[in-house]
Amino acid sequence: MVFLPASISWLFFFLFHAVAVLASLDKVCSLRYPHFAALPQRELF
């Protein structure tokens, strides 16, 4: 029970950074490769 809040905070920390990295990669891909932006997100992952 003691480690539960710490693990949850780490989980949100890693999830936030993963979303931020994916968003920055998506922006770079859409800027450098515009034809990737026309694809649905399901085909990219």
PDB file of N, CA and C in Angstrom:
ATOM      1  N   MET A   1       0.816  -1.205   0.000  1.00  0.00           N
ATOM      2  CA  MET A   1       0.000   0.000   0.000  1.00  0.00           C
ATOM      3  C   MET A   1       0.856   1.264   0.000  1.00  0.00           C
ATOM      4  N   VAL A   2       2.051   1.129   0.528  1.00  0.00           N
ATOM      5  CA  VAL A   2       2.922   2.303   0.610  1.00  0.00           C
ATOM      6  C   VAL A   2       3.432   2.672  -0.773  1.00  0.00           C
ATOM      7  N   PHE A   3       3.696   1.657  -1.600  1.00  0.00           N
ATOM      8  CA  PHE A   3       4.289   1.927  -2.907  1.00  0.00           C
ATOM      9  C   PHE A   3       3.241   2.204  -3.978  1.00  0.00           C
ATOM     10  N   LEU A   4       1.976   2.110  -3.631  1.00  0.00           N
ATOM     11  CA  LEU A   4       0.926   2.312  -4.638  1.00  0.00           C
ATOM     12  C   LEU A   4       0.882   3.745  -5.158  1.00  0.00           C
ATOM     13  N   PRO A   5       0.879   4.791  -4.317  1.00  0.00           N
ATOM     14  CA  PRO A   5       0.862   6.158  -4.855  1.00  0.00           C
ATOM     15  C   PRO A   5       2.115   6.476  -5.664  1.00  0.00           C
ATOM     16  N   ALA A   6       3.266   5.948  -5.243  1.00  0.00           N
ATOM     17  CA  ALA A   6       4.497   6.215  -5.983  1.00  0.00           C
ATOM     18  C   ALA A   6       4.445   5.571  -7.374  1.00  0.00           C
ATOM     19  N   SER A   7       3.929   4.338  -7.439  1.00  0.00           N
ATOM     20  CA  SER A   7       3.849   3.670  -8.735  1.00  0.00           C
ATOM     21  C   SER A   7       2.857   4.376  -9.646  1.00  0.00           C
ATOM     22  N   ILE A   8       1.751   4.869  -9.056  1.00  0.00           N
ATOM     23  CA  ILE A   8       0.758   5.588  -9.872  1.00  0.00           C
ATOM     24  C   ILE A   8       1.353   6.892 -10.398  1.00  0.00           C
ATOM     25  N   SER A   9       2.118   7.580  -9.548  1.00  0.00           N
ATOM     26  CA  SER A   9       2.729   8.834 -10.003  1.00  0.00           C
ATOM     27  C   SER A   9       3.760   8.566 -11.099  1.00  0.00           C
ATOM     28  N   TRP A  10       4.538   7.500 -10.944  1.00  0.00           N
ATOM     29  CA  TRP A  10       5.498   7.154 -11.986  1.00  0.00           C
ATOM     30  C   TRP A  10       4.789   6.754 -13.272  1.00  0.00           C
ATOM     31  N   LEU A  11       3.649   6.061 -13.118  1.00  0.00           N
ATOM     32  CA  LEU A  11       2.900   5.644 -14.307  1.00  0.00           C
ATOM     33  C   LEU A  11       2.397   6.862 -15.081  1.00  0.00           C
ATOM     34  N   PHE A  12       1.827   7.828 -14.363  1.00  0.00           N
ATOM     35  CA  PHE A  12       1.360   9.046 -15.029  1.00  0.00           C
ATOM     36  C   PHE A  12       2.528   9.832 -15.602  1.00  0.00           C
ATOM     37  N   PHE A  13       3.672   9.811 -14.903  1.00  0.00           N
ATOM     38  CA  PHE A  13       4.864  10.515 -15.385  1.00  0.00           C
ATOM     39  C   PHE A  13       5.324   9.941 -16.717  1.00  0.00           C
ATOM     40  N   PHE A  14       5.428   8.614 -16.784  1.00  0.00           N
ATOM     41  CA  PHE A  14       5.877   7.982 -18.026  1.00  0.00           C
ATOM     42  C   PHE A  14       4.831   8.113 -19.129  1.00  0.00           C
ATOM     43  N   LEU A  15       3.548   8.041 -18.763  1.00  0.00           N
ATOM     44  CA  LEU A  15       2.506   8.205 -19.770  1.00  0.00           C
ATOM     45  C   LEU A  15       2.521   9.612 -20.352  1.00  0.00           C
ATOM     46  N   PHE A  16       2.738  10.614 -19.483  1.00  0.00           N
ATOM     47  CA  PHE A  16       2.773  11.991 -19.964  1.00  0.00           C
ATOM     48  C   PHE A  16       3.940  12.198 -20.918  1.00  0.00           C
ATOM     49  N   HIS A  17       5.110  11.645 -20.569  1.00  0.00           N
ATOM     50  CA  HIS A  17       6.264  11.827 -21.439  1.00  0.00           C
ATOM     51  C   HIS A  17       6.124  11.034 -22.738  1.00  0.00           C
ATOM     52  N   ALA A  18       5.487   9.877 -22.656  1.00  0.00           N
ATOM     53  CA  ALA A  18       5.262   9.107 -23.882  1.00  0.00           C
ATOM     54  C   ALA A  18       4.322   9.856 -24.822  1.00  0.00           C
ATOM     55  N   VAL A  19       3.267  10.466 -24.265  1.00  0.00           N
ATOM     56  CA  VAL A  19       2.343  11.243 -25.096  1.00  0.00           C
ATOM     57  C   VAL A  19       3.044  12.470 -25.671  1.00  0.00           C
ATOM     58  N   ALA A  20       3.906  13.107 -24.868  1.00  0.00           N
ATOM     59  CA  ALA A  20       4.612  14.291 -25.353  1.00  0.00           C
ATOM     60  C   ALA A  20       5.584  13.916 -26.472  1.00  0.00           C
ATOM     61  N   VAL A  21       6.280  12.795 -26.314  1.00  0.00           N
ATOM     62  CA  VAL A  21       7.219  12.360 -27.357  1.00  0.00           C
ATOM     63  C   VAL A  21       6.468  11.971 -28.622  1.00  0.00           C
ATOM     64  N   LEU A  22       5.337  11.280 -28.473  1.00  0.00           N
ATOM     65  CA  LEU A  22       4.555  10.897 -29.645  1.00  0.00           C
ATOM     66  C   LEU A  22       3.989  12.125 -30.351  1.00  0.00           C
ATOM     67  N   ALA A  23       3.573  13.125 -29.584  1.00  0.00           N
ATOM     68  CA  ALA A  23       3.038  14.337 -30.197  1.00  0.00           C
ATOM     69  C   ALA A  23       4.129  15.093 -30.948  1.00  0.00           C
ATOM     70  N   SER A  24       5.330  15.159 -30.358  1.00  0.00           N
ATOM     71  CA  SER A  24       6.418  15.858 -31.044  1.00  0.00           C
ATOM     72  C   SER A  24       6.852  15.087 -32.283  1.00  0.00           C
ATOM     73  N   LEU A  25       6.881  13.772 -32.207  1.00  0.00           N
ATOM     74  CA  LEU A  25       7.230  12.975 -33.380  1.00  0.00           C
ATOM     75  C   LEU A  25       6.173  13.109 -34.459  1.00  0.00           C
ATOM     76  N   ASP A  26       4.902  13.179 -34.052  1.00  0.00           N
ATOM     77  CA  ASP A  26       3.825  13.339 -35.029  1.00  0.00           C
ATOM     78  C   ASP A  26       3.930  14.700 -35.710  1.00  0.00           C
ATOM     79  N   LYS A  27       4.306  15.730 -34.952  1.00  0.00           N
ATOM     80  CA  LYS A  27       4.458  17.057 -35.546  1.00  0.00           C
ATOM     81  C   LYS A  27       5.636  17.088 -36.517  1.00  0.00           C
ATOM     82  N   VAL A  28       6.742  16.452 -36.139  1.00  0.00           N
ATOM     83  CA  VAL A  28       7.918  16.416 -37.020  1.00  0.00           C
ATOM     84  C   VAL A  28       7.611  15.624 -38.278  1.00  0.00           C
ATOM     85  N   CYS A  29       6.901  14.499 -38.129  1.00  0.00           N
ATOM     86  CA  CYS A  29       6.562  13.688 -39.294  1.00  0.00           C
ATOM     87  C   CYS A  29       5.599  14.431 -40.216  1.00  0.00           C
ATOM     88  N   SER A  30       4.660  15.165 -39.642  1.00  0.00           N
ATOM     89  CA  SER A  30       3.704  15.886 -40.476  1.00  0.00           C
ATOM     90  C   SER A  30       4.378  17.076 -41.157  1.00  0.00           C
ATOM     91  N   LEU A  31       5.437  17.618 -40.530  1.00  0.00           N
ATOM     92  CA  LEU A  31       6.147  18.737 -41.148  1.00  0.00           C
ATOM     93  C   LEU A  31       7.094  18.255 -42.235  1.00  0.00           C
ATOM     94  N   ARG A  32       7.863  17.213 -41.943  1.00  0.00           N
ATOM     95  CA  ARG A  32       8.856  16.742 -42.912  1.00  0.00           C
ATOM     96  C   ARG A  32       8.232  15.854 -43.980  1.00  0.00           C
ATOM     97  N   TYR A  33       7.258  15.044 -43.564  1.00  0.00           N
ATOM     98  CA  TYR A  33       6.619  14.127 -44.506  1.00  0.00           C
ATOM     99  C   TYR A  33       5.119  14.380 -44.503  1.00  0.00           C
ATOM    100  N   PRO A  34       4.639  15.293 -45.334  1.00  0.00           N
ATOM    101  CA  PRO A  34       3.209  15.659 -45.297  1.00  0.00           C
ATOM    102  C   PRO A  34       2.287  14.513 -45.690  1.00  0.00           C
ATOM    103  N   HIS A  35       2.780  13.526 -46.451  1.00  0.00           N
ATOM    104  CA  HIS A  35       1.881  12.452 -46.853  1.00  0.00           C
ATOM    105  C   HIS A  35       1.559  11.527 -45.683  1.00  0.00           C
ATOM    106  N   PHE A  36       2.352  11.583 -44.579  1.00  0.00           N
ATOM    107  CA  PHE A  36       2.021  10.801 -43.392  1.00  0.00           C
ATOM    108  C   PHE A  36       0.803  11.382 -42.678  1.00  0.00           C
ATOM    109  N   ALA A  37       0.599  12.684 -42.797  1.00  0.00           N
ATOM    110  CA  ALA A  37      -0.524  13.312 -42.103  1.00  0.00           C
ATOM    111  C   ALA A  37      -1.858  12.881 -42.710  1.00  0.00           C
ATOM    112  N   ALA A  38      -1.856  12.457 -43.982  1.00  0.00           N
ATOM    113  CA  ALA A  38      -3.098  12.044 -44.625  1.00  0.00           C
ATOM    114  C   ALA A  38      -3.507  10.638 -44.203  1.00  0.00           C
ATOM    115  N   LEU A  39      -2.560   9.864 -43.637  1.00  0.00           N
ATOM    116  CA  LEU A  39      -2.881   8.513 -43.217  1.00  0.00           C
ATOM    117  C   LEU A  39      -3.644   8.526 -41.898  1.00  0.00           C
ATOM    118  N   PRO A  40      -4.533   7.565 -41.693  1.00  0.00           N
ATOM    119  CA  PRO A  40      -5.183   7.443 -40.382  1.00  0.00           C
ATOM    120  C   PRO A  40      -4.170   7.053 -39.314  1.00  0.00           C
ATOM    121  N   GLN A  41      -4.457   7.424 -38.074  1.00  0.00           N
ATOM    122  CA  GLN A  41      -3.524   7.138 -36.992  1.00  0.00           C
ATOM    123  C   GLN A  41      -3.402   5.637 -36.727  1.00  0.00           C
ATOM    124  N   ARG A  42      -4.404   4.866 -37.083  1.00  0.00           N
ATOM    125  CA  ARG A  42      -4.343   3.423 -36.819  1.00  0.00           C
ATOM    126  C   ARG A  42      -3.295   2.754 -37.703  1.00  0.00           C
ATOM    127  N   GLU A  43      -3.052   3.287 -38.892  1.00  0.00           N
ATOM    128  CA  GLU A  43      -2.083   2.659 -39.783  1.00  0.00           C
ATOM    129  C   GLU A  43      -0.646   3.004 -39.402  1.00  0.00           C
ATOM    130  N   LEU A  44      -0.473   4.084 -38.638  1.00  0.00           N
ATOM    131  CA  LEU A  44       0.884   4.475 -38.271  1.00  0.00           C
ATOM    132  C   LEU A  44       1.432   3.592 -37.163  1.00  0.00           C
ATOM    133  N   PHE A  45       0.550   3.130 -36.251  1.00  0.00           N
ATOM    134  CA  PHE A  45       1.040   2.332 -35.120  1.00  0.00           C
ATOM    135  C   PHE A  45       0.760   0.860 -35.370  1.00  0.00           C
TER     136      PHE A  45
END
